[in-house]
Amino acid sequence: MSHKPRSRKKRKPPLREEDLQGFKYLRNIIPLFERFHLVKDHHNRDLHYDQYLSLILLYYFNPIITSLRGIQQASHLEKVKQTVGITGTSLGSLSEAQHVFDAHLLAPLISELAQKAMPLEQNPQIKALEQTLTAVDATVLKALPTMLWALWLDDQHRAAKLHLEFDICKWAPTRAEITDANANEKTHLKQALSAHRLYVLDAGYGYYSLLEDIRKARSSFVVRLRDNAVWETREERPLTADDHRAGVIRDRVVRLGCAQKQEDLTAPVRVIQIFHRGDSRPRRSRVSSKKAFRTTKGDYTLLLSTDRMDLPAETIALIYRYRWQIELFFRWFKCVLGCRHLMAHSLNGLTIQVYCALIASLLITLWTGRKPTKRTFEMLCFYFMGWATDREVATHIENLKEARKKKNS
C-alpha cells in the first residue's frame, strides 16, 4: 500500500530591510514607553519592557509580521535596532517577556491616551450630556489549547474574555481587563465603577444591585431590561411627537423588582418601552460570550431603564442605540486590527498584547482625528511596509480632517 508523502509547509522567506518602513511614526510612539524602561531591570536582561512593547506595536502595523518569530527576525534588522534601541533579541527572550513584565502597568497609559482624544460625536443630543457616555461590554477571544487557565465551555473549548469600557463620544477604549471566558462581567464592572459616567448596558448587566452600585458611585445608567422584568408603576409620563417618532410607546416611573428584590434598587427609575422594527431576514443563531444562543427576531419591543429623569424619552432611545458602537469596535479590534492571532500563552502575556492593540487603535484616532477605519489602517500599513510615502499618508490624514470640518460646518 503506497502512501503519499506529506507535503511540508512552505517556510516564509526571512524579513528584509526593505520590508519594514514607516519608522517616523514609530519614533513618535516609542517615547510613550520610556517610563517602563527600568521595569524588572536586570544586568543579565538585554530586552527591556519598553523595547518589548515597541516590537509588539511594530507587529500590529506591519501585516508582513505574523508571529513571535517574525518579531524576533525584525529585531535583528538595522533600522529596527536603531529605532527601538536594541541589539536584536532571541525567541526565548520574547517568550520570557510575557511572564516577566507586568501587564497592568499599561492600563494607565490607555486612559491617558483616551483623555487626549477629541470628541468625535456631533449629535447635539449626545454632546449635551453632562456625563461621559460609556458603553460597557465584553467579547470572547478564542484561546489556544495550551492555555489551561482559559477553560470555557468544556475541555475542548478555551477562550479569554476582554472586558471593555468605551467612550462613545470619543470612540475610544478607556479601560480594559482580560480574564478567562467564564469570568463574571457584572462583578468586573462593579469593581471598576467611576463617578460622572452614564453607563450604557445590555441586558446581561441588568441586575438591580449593580444599578444601585452605579447610583452610589454618583453615575447614571441606561440599561436594557429582560422581557420578564417586574415593576410597580408609580407614574405614567406623557409622550411628545419626537418620542413617538423615536419609536417610544410608553414612559413610566416605577419601582423595579418584585417585593423581594425592590430593596436591591432603592430609588424609583424610568422604564421606557420602545418598538423596534427588526430585520425579518433569517440569520444563523450563535453562541454569545454569556453562553446564550442568540437569534435575530423580526419586530420586537425594547424595555429600557434609566435613573435620568431629566432626559426626554427619545434621547434615552438614542443613547441606547449608540451602545452598538462598542460592538463595531469589537469587530474592528478583532477582524481589522488583527487581535485574533495570539502570541502569548499566559494571562499576563495576552493582556500585554491586547493592551498594545488598544494603544495602536488609540494612536490611529489621535493621528487622524477620526474613528479608525479599515482604509486608514491599510494606508498606515502600506506606509510601514514602504508602499506609501510620507506625503501620501499626510494627504490621507488631511483629507480626513477636511471631511470632518465640512461635516461640522
Protein backbone atom coordinates (compact mmCIF):
# COMPACT_ATOMS: atom_id res chain seq x y z
CA MET A 1 0.00 0.00 0.00
CA SER A 2 1.56 3.25 -1.06
CA HIS A 3 1.34 6.41 0.97
CA LYS A 4 1.51 9.88 -0.45
CA PRO A 5 4.40 11.81 1.02
CA ARG A 6 3.30 14.52 3.40
CA SER A 7 3.77 17.96 1.91
CA ARG A 8 5.92 20.18 4.03
CA LYS A 9 4.59 23.57 5.00
CA LYS A 10 6.36 26.16 2.91
CA ARG A 11 8.54 28.35 5.09
CA LYS A 12 8.15 32.07 4.83
CA PRO A 13 11.11 33.96 3.43
CA PRO A 14 13.12 35.93 6.00
CA LEU A 15 12.30 39.58 6.58
CA ARG A 16 14.37 42.14 4.71
CA GLU A 17 15.21 45.75 5.50
CA GLU A 18 13.04 47.00 2.63
CA ASP A 19 10.01 45.10 4.02
CA LEU A 20 9.78 47.43 7.01
CA GLN A 21 9.49 51.20 6.73
CA GLY A 22 7.50 53.92 8.46
CA PHE A 23 9.85 54.44 11.37
CA LYS A 24 8.94 58.13 11.54
CA TYR A 25 5.65 57.21 13.23
CA LEU A 26 7.30 54.51 15.34
CA ARG A 27 9.80 57.04 16.69
CA ASN A 28 6.87 59.18 17.83
CA ILE A 29 5.37 56.23 19.69
CA ILE A 30 8.47 54.99 21.50
CA PRO A 31 8.71 57.95 23.97
CA LEU A 32 5.33 56.84 25.37
CA PHE A 33 7.01 53.66 26.61
CA GLU A 34 10.15 55.20 28.14
CA ARG A 35 8.50 55.17 31.59
CA PHE A 36 8.67 51.35 31.51
CA HIS A 37 12.36 51.03 30.60
CA LEU A 38 13.58 50.11 34.09
CA VAL A 39 10.72 47.74 34.93
CA LYS A 40 12.27 44.42 36.05
CA ASP A 41 15.69 45.78 35.08
CA HIS A 42 18.47 43.21 35.44
CA HIS A 43 22.07 43.17 34.30
CA ASN A 44 21.51 39.82 32.52
CA ARG A 45 18.43 41.04 30.64
CA ASP A 46 19.02 42.71 27.27
CA LEU A 47 15.34 43.12 26.32
CA HIS A 48 13.62 45.89 28.31
CA TYR A 49 9.89 46.36 28.76
CA ASP A 50 9.67 49.47 26.55
CA GLN A 51 11.52 47.67 23.75
CA TYR A 52 9.21 44.67 24.00
CA LEU A 53 6.16 46.96 23.73
CA SER A 54 7.64 48.75 20.71
CA LEU A 55 8.19 45.44 18.92
CA ILE A 56 4.57 44.38 19.53
CA LEU A 57 3.33 47.69 18.10
CA LEU A 58 5.57 47.13 15.09
CA TYR A 59 3.78 43.79 14.66
CA TYR A 60 0.35 45.45 14.57
CA PHE A 61 1.32 47.98 11.91
CA ASN A 62 3.18 45.52 9.68
CA PRO A 63 1.00 42.75 8.20
CA ILE A 64 4.14 41.01 6.96
CA ILE A 65 4.96 40.17 10.61
CA THR A 66 2.55 37.41 11.64
CA SER A 67 4.17 35.65 14.60
CA LEU A 68 6.57 35.92 17.51
CA ARG A 69 9.29 34.52 15.29
CA GLY A 70 8.61 37.30 12.79
CA ILE A 71 9.08 39.87 15.56
CA GLN A 72 12.33 38.16 16.50
CA GLN A 73 13.56 38.38 12.91
CA ALA A 74 12.59 42.04 12.70
CA SER A 75 14.54 42.83 15.88
CA HIS A 76 17.79 42.00 14.04
CA LEU A 77 17.20 44.46 11.19
CA GLU A 78 19.39 47.58 11.39
CA LYS A 79 16.55 50.11 11.17
CA VAL A 80 14.61 48.33 13.91
CA LYS A 81 17.67 48.11 16.14
CA GLN A 82 18.38 51.82 15.71
CA THR A 83 14.79 52.92 16.26
CA VAL A 84 13.91 50.64 19.17
CA GLY A 85 17.36 50.79 20.75
CA ILE A 86 18.10 47.08 20.89
CA THR A 87 20.87 44.85 19.63
CA GLY A 88 18.48 42.16 18.45
CA THR A 89 16.70 39.65 20.65
CA SER A 90 16.10 35.93 20.79
CA LEU A 91 12.90 33.95 20.60
CA GLY A 92 13.50 32.82 24.18
CA SER A 93 13.73 36.41 25.44
CA LEU A 94 10.49 37.36 23.69
CA SER A 95 8.74 34.30 25.10
CA GLU A 96 10.07 35.02 28.61
CA ALA A 97 8.95 38.67 28.44
CA GLN A 98 5.26 37.73 28.65
CA HIS A 99 5.91 36.33 32.15
CA VAL A 100 8.44 38.91 33.40
CA PHE A 101 6.80 42.26 32.65
CA ASP A 102 3.64 43.39 34.46
CA ALA A 103 0.76 43.97 32.02
CA HIS A 104 -1.24 46.10 34.44
CA LEU A 105 1.36 48.89 34.27
CA LEU A 106 -0.01 49.63 30.78
CA ALA A 107 -3.58 50.28 31.93
CA PRO A 108 -2.98 53.94 32.95
CA LEU A 109 -1.44 54.64 29.53
CA ILE A 110 -4.69 53.57 27.82
CA SER A 111 -6.67 56.01 29.97
CA GLU A 112 -4.08 58.74 29.35
CA LEU A 113 -4.32 58.39 25.57
CA ALA A 114 -8.13 58.26 25.72
CA GLN A 115 -8.18 61.57 27.59
CA LYS A 116 -6.11 63.17 24.81
CA ALA A 117 -8.61 62.12 22.15
CA MET A 118 -11.05 64.76 20.96
CA PRO A 119 -14.83 64.14 20.98
CA LEU A 120 -15.88 62.91 17.53
CA GLU A 121 -19.64 62.71 18.01
CA GLN A 122 -21.54 65.71 16.59
CA ASN A 123 -25.13 64.84 17.55
CA PRO A 124 -26.27 67.77 19.75
CA GLN A 125 -28.39 65.49 21.96
CA ILE A 126 -25.35 63.38 22.77
CA LYS A 127 -22.96 66.33 23.12
CA ALA A 128 -25.31 67.98 25.63
CA LEU A 129 -24.98 65.13 28.13
CA GLU A 130 -23.13 66.21 31.27
CA GLN A 131 -21.82 62.72 31.94
CA THR A 132 -19.32 60.69 29.92
CA LEU A 133 -21.30 58.32 27.73
CA THR A 134 -19.67 54.95 28.45
CA ALA A 135 -20.66 51.67 26.84
CA VAL A 136 -19.61 48.55 28.74
CA ASP A 137 -19.49 45.04 27.32
CA ALA A 138 -17.26 42.00 26.92
CA THR A 139 -16.15 39.88 24.00
CA VAL A 140 -14.58 36.45 23.76
CA LEU A 141 -11.11 35.90 22.28
CA LYS A 142 -10.53 32.34 21.13
CA ALA A 143 -7.62 30.90 23.09
CA LEU A 144 -5.07 28.23 22.27
CA PRO A 145 -5.44 24.63 23.55
CA THR A 146 -2.29 25.12 25.66
CA MET A 147 -3.91 27.95 27.65
CA LEU A 148 -5.02 25.81 30.59
CA TRP A 149 -6.25 28.86 32.53
CA ALA A 150 -8.72 29.73 29.74
CA LEU A 151 -11.15 26.80 30.14
CA TRP A 152 -14.55 27.85 28.77
CA LEU A 153 -17.47 25.63 27.72
CA ASP A 154 -15.70 22.28 28.17
CA ASP A 155 -12.28 20.65 27.85
CA GLN A 156 -12.26 21.27 24.10
CA HIS A 157 -13.12 24.99 24.23
CA ARG A 158 -10.78 27.59 25.67
CA ALA A 159 -11.23 31.34 25.47
CA ALA A 160 -10.29 34.59 27.14
CA LYS A 161 -12.66 37.49 27.71
CA LEU A 162 -11.98 41.18 27.11
CA HIS A 163 -13.97 43.41 29.47
CA LEU A 164 -14.07 46.89 27.94
CA GLU A 165 -15.27 50.37 28.86
CA PHE A 166 -15.72 52.51 25.77
CA ASP A 167 -16.15 56.29 25.48
CA ILE A 168 -18.83 56.56 22.80
CA CYS A 169 -18.32 60.27 22.03
CA LYS A 170 -14.56 59.83 21.50
CA TRP A 171 -14.85 56.32 20.00
CA ALA A 172 -12.03 55.33 22.34
CA PRO A 173 -11.47 52.48 24.82
CA THR A 174 -10.88 53.84 28.33
CA ARG A 175 -10.42 50.74 30.49
CA ALA A 176 -9.86 47.07 29.70
CA GLU A 177 -9.27 43.83 31.55
CA ILE A 178 -8.53 40.31 30.36
CA THR A 179 -9.88 37.25 32.21
CA ASP A 180 -10.87 33.70 31.41
CA ALA A 181 -14.12 33.48 29.44
CA ASN A 182 -16.15 32.29 32.45
CA ALA A 183 -15.45 35.44 34.49
CA ASN A 184 -18.50 37.39 35.64
CA GLU A 185 -18.88 40.62 33.66
CA LYS A 186 -21.10 42.30 36.27
CA THR A 187 -18.54 41.71 39.03
CA HIS A 188 -15.77 43.31 36.98
CA LEU A 189 -17.89 46.38 36.23
CA LYS A 190 -18.88 46.72 39.90
CA GLN A 191 -15.21 46.77 40.92
CA ALA A 192 -14.34 49.48 38.37
CA LEU A 193 -17.23 51.95 38.70
CA SER A 194 -16.36 55.65 38.36
CA ALA A 195 -18.22 58.88 39.03
CA HIS A 196 -19.84 61.19 36.45
CA ARG A 197 -20.47 58.50 33.84
CA LEU A 198 -23.60 57.45 32.02
CA TYR A 199 -23.20 53.71 31.63
CA VAL A 200 -24.97 52.18 28.61
CA LEU A 201 -25.53 48.48 29.26
CA ASP A 202 -27.08 45.49 27.58
CA ALA A 203 -29.48 43.11 29.32
CA GLY A 204 -26.67 40.96 30.71
CA TYR A 205 -25.83 43.78 33.14
CA GLY A 206 -29.43 44.39 34.20
CA TYR A 207 -29.06 43.31 37.83
CA TYR A 208 -30.76 45.69 40.22
CA SER A 209 -27.98 45.54 42.82
CA LEU A 210 -25.46 46.60 40.13
CA LEU A 211 -27.69 49.52 39.11
CA GLU A 212 -27.80 50.58 42.77
CA ASP A 213 -23.99 50.46 42.93
CA ILE A 214 -23.82 52.69 39.83
CA ARG A 215 -26.04 55.27 41.55
CA LYS A 216 -23.93 55.12 44.74
CA ALA A 217 -20.84 55.78 42.60
CA ARG A 218 -22.51 59.08 41.51
CA SER A 219 -23.07 57.86 37.97
CA SER A 220 -26.17 57.01 35.92
CA PHE A 221 -27.29 54.20 33.66
CA VAL A 222 -29.34 53.29 30.60
CA VAL A 223 -29.83 49.54 30.59
CA ARG A 224 -31.93 47.11 28.63
CA LEU A 225 -34.24 45.02 30.83
CA ARG A 226 -35.19 41.44 30.23
CA ASP A 227 -38.66 40.79 28.83
CA ASN A 228 -39.78 39.19 32.12
CA ALA A 229 -38.86 42.22 34.26
CA VAL A 230 -41.34 43.07 37.05
CA TRP A 231 -42.15 46.54 38.37
CA GLU A 232 -44.68 48.63 40.26
CA THR A 233 -45.84 51.66 38.27
CA ARG A 234 -45.72 54.99 40.11
CA GLU A 235 -46.34 57.47 37.28
CA GLU A 236 -47.21 57.44 33.58
CA ARG A 237 -45.31 60.18 31.74
CA PRO A 238 -46.73 61.88 28.63
CA LEU A 239 -45.03 61.34 25.28
CA THR A 240 -44.11 64.01 22.74
CA ALA A 241 -44.24 63.83 18.96
CA ASP A 242 -40.44 63.37 18.93
CA ASP A 243 -40.81 60.43 21.34
CA HIS A 244 -43.32 58.78 19.02
CA ARG A 245 -41.04 59.27 16.02
CA ALA A 246 -38.25 57.55 18.00
CA GLY A 247 -40.50 54.52 18.48
CA VAL A 248 -41.31 55.17 22.16
CA ILE A 249 -44.59 53.52 23.18
CA ARG A 250 -44.67 54.22 26.94
CA ASP A 251 -42.62 56.07 29.55
CA ARG A 252 -43.25 55.17 33.19
CA VAL A 253 -41.71 55.88 36.60
CA VAL A 254 -41.59 52.59 38.51
CA ARG A 255 -40.11 50.62 41.40
CA LEU A 256 -38.21 47.79 39.74
CA GLY A 257 -38.39 44.25 41.03
CA CYS A 258 -40.77 42.05 42.93
CA ALA A 259 -41.29 42.56 46.66
CA GLN A 260 -38.16 40.55 47.50
CA LYS A 261 -35.97 42.47 45.02
CA GLN A 262 -37.15 46.09 45.41
CA GLU A 263 -34.56 46.77 48.11
CA ASP A 264 -31.77 45.97 45.64
CA LEU A 265 -32.59 49.23 43.81
CA THR A 266 -33.93 51.68 46.35
CA ALA A 267 -34.83 54.66 44.12
CA PRO A 268 -37.61 54.86 41.51
CA VAL A 269 -36.42 54.65 37.90
CA ARG A 270 -37.96 55.02 34.46
CA VAL A 271 -38.97 52.14 32.21
CA ILE A 272 -39.23 53.21 28.58
CA GLN A 273 -40.88 50.86 26.11
CA ILE A 274 -39.64 51.16 22.51
CA PHE A 275 -40.96 49.42 19.42
CA HIS A 276 -38.14 48.33 17.11
CA ARG A 277 -38.76 47.21 13.56
CA GLY A 278 -36.19 44.47 13.08
CA ASP A 279 -34.72 42.69 10.11
CA SER A 280 -37.04 39.86 9.11
CA ARG A 281 -34.36 38.00 7.17
CA PRO A 282 -33.42 34.69 8.85
CA ARG A 283 -29.97 34.65 10.41
CA ARG A 284 -27.97 31.82 11.93
CA SER A 285 -28.02 31.62 15.72
CA ARG A 286 -24.68 31.87 17.51
CA VAL A 287 -23.20 31.35 20.96
CA SER A 288 -22.56 34.62 22.78
CA SER A 289 -19.90 35.34 25.41
CA LYS A 290 -22.60 34.66 28.01
CA LYS A 291 -23.12 31.07 26.68
CA ALA A 292 -26.62 32.02 25.46
CA PHE A 293 -27.85 31.29 21.95
CA ARG A 294 -28.98 34.48 20.22
CA THR A 295 -31.29 34.71 17.26
CA THR A 296 -32.39 37.75 15.31
CA LYS A 297 -36.14 38.25 15.50
CA GLY A 298 -38.30 40.50 13.35
CA ASP A 299 -40.18 43.31 15.05
CA TYR A 300 -39.78 43.44 18.82
CA THR A 301 -40.13 45.72 21.84
CA LEU A 302 -37.22 47.01 23.93
CA LEU A 303 -37.53 47.73 27.64
CA LEU A 304 -35.02 50.35 28.73
CA SER A 305 -34.49 51.52 32.29
CA THR A 306 -32.70 54.69 33.42
CA ASP A 307 -32.35 56.85 36.51
CA ARG A 308 -32.08 60.02 34.37
CA MET A 309 -35.46 61.68 34.97
CA ASP A 310 -34.45 64.89 33.15
CA LEU A 311 -33.85 63.47 29.66
CA PRO A 312 -36.59 63.09 27.03
CA ALA A 313 -37.60 59.53 26.23
CA GLU A 314 -36.37 59.97 22.64
CA THR A 315 -32.89 60.82 23.97
CA ILE A 316 -32.85 57.65 26.09
CA ALA A 317 -33.73 55.65 22.97
CA LEU A 318 -30.95 57.41 21.06
CA ILE A 319 -28.41 56.74 23.83
CA TYR A 320 -29.14 53.03 23.81
CA ARG A 321 -28.84 52.95 20.01
CA TYR A 322 -25.31 54.33 20.44
CA ARG A 323 -24.41 51.24 22.52
CA TRP A 324 -23.89 49.49 19.19
CA GLN A 325 -20.65 51.48 18.79
CA ILE A 326 -18.84 49.13 21.17
CA GLU A 327 -19.92 46.16 19.03
CA LEU A 328 -18.47 47.89 15.96
CA PHE A 329 -15.26 48.49 17.91
CA PHE A 330 -15.02 44.78 18.79
CA ARG A 331 -15.38 43.94 15.10
CA TRP A 332 -12.66 46.45 14.17
CA PHE A 333 -10.45 45.19 17.01
CA LYS A 334 -10.60 41.51 16.07
CA CYS A 335 -11.17 41.49 12.32
CA VAL A 336 -9.25 44.52 11.06
CA LEU A 337 -6.61 45.32 13.68
CA GLY A 338 -5.83 41.63 13.85
CA CYS A 339 -6.08 40.77 17.53
CA ARG A 340 -7.20 37.23 16.72
CA HIS A 341 -3.74 35.70 16.44
CA LEU A 342 -2.42 35.31 19.97
CA MET A 343 1.33 35.36 20.51
CA ALA A 344 1.34 34.69 24.27
CA HIS A 345 0.12 31.72 26.28
CA SER A 346 -0.06 33.27 29.74
CA LEU A 347 -2.83 35.55 31.01
CA ASN A 348 -0.29 38.31 31.63
CA GLY A 349 1.23 37.96 28.16
CA LEU A 350 -2.16 38.02 26.47
CA THR A 351 -3.09 41.13 28.46
CA ILE A 352 0.06 42.89 27.22
CA GLN A 353 -0.81 42.00 23.62
CA VAL A 354 -4.42 43.22 23.95
CA TYR A 355 -3.35 46.44 25.70
CA CYS A 356 -0.89 47.15 22.88
CA ALA A 357 -3.69 46.59 20.34
CA LEU A 358 -5.88 49.10 22.19
CA ILE A 359 -2.98 51.56 22.26
CA ALA A 360 -2.49 51.08 18.49
CA SER A 361 -6.18 51.85 17.93
CA LEU A 362 -5.97 54.97 20.12
CA LEU A 363 -2.88 56.16 18.27
CA ILE A 364 -4.71 55.94 14.94
CA THR A 365 -7.51 58.07 16.40
CA LEU A 366 -5.02 60.64 17.73
CA TRP A 367 -3.07 60.76 14.45
CA THR A 368 -6.11 61.18 12.21
CA GLY A 369 -8.68 62.84 14.46
CA ARG A 370 -11.25 60.31 13.17
CA LYS A 371 -12.59 56.90 14.01
CA PRO A 372 -10.10 54.23 12.91
CA THR A 373 -11.30 52.61 9.71
CA LYS A 374 -10.09 49.78 7.54
CA ARG A 375 -8.98 52.22 4.81
CA THR A 376 -6.93 54.35 7.23
CA PHE A 377 -5.38 51.28 8.82
CA GLU A 378 -4.45 49.95 5.38
CA MET A 379 -2.80 53.27 4.49
CA LEU A 380 -0.71 53.18 7.66
CA CYS A 381 0.25 49.56 6.98
CA PHE A 382 1.25 50.50 3.42
CA TYR A 383 3.43 53.22 4.91
CA PHE A 384 5.10 50.89 7.42
CA MET A 385 5.75 48.42 4.60
CA GLY A 386 7.29 51.12 2.40
CA TRP A 387 4.48 51.16 -0.19
CA ALA A 388 3.18 54.63 0.72
CA THR A 389 5.22 57.82 1.13
CA ASP A 390 5.16 60.38 3.93
CA ARG A 391 3.30 62.73 1.62
CA GLU A 392 0.62 60.18 0.74
CA VAL A 393 -0.06 59.40 4.40
CA ALA A 394 -0.14 63.10 5.28
CA THR A 395 -2.56 63.75 2.39
CA HIS A 396 -4.82 60.93 3.57
CA ILE A 397 -4.92 62.35 7.11
CA GLU A 398 -5.53 65.89 5.83
CA ASN A 399 -8.41 64.66 3.69
CA LEU A 400 -9.95 63.04 6.78
CA LYS A 401 -9.63 66.29 8.74
CA GLU A 402 -11.13 68.32 5.88
CA ALA A 403 -14.05 65.91 5.63
CA ARG A 404 -14.64 66.36 9.37
CA LYS A 405 -14.61 70.16 9.07
CA LYS A 406 -17.13 70.05 6.23
CA LYS A 407 -19.36 67.72 8.24
CA ASN A 408 -19.23 70.04 11.27
CA SER A 409 -19.89 73.22 9.29
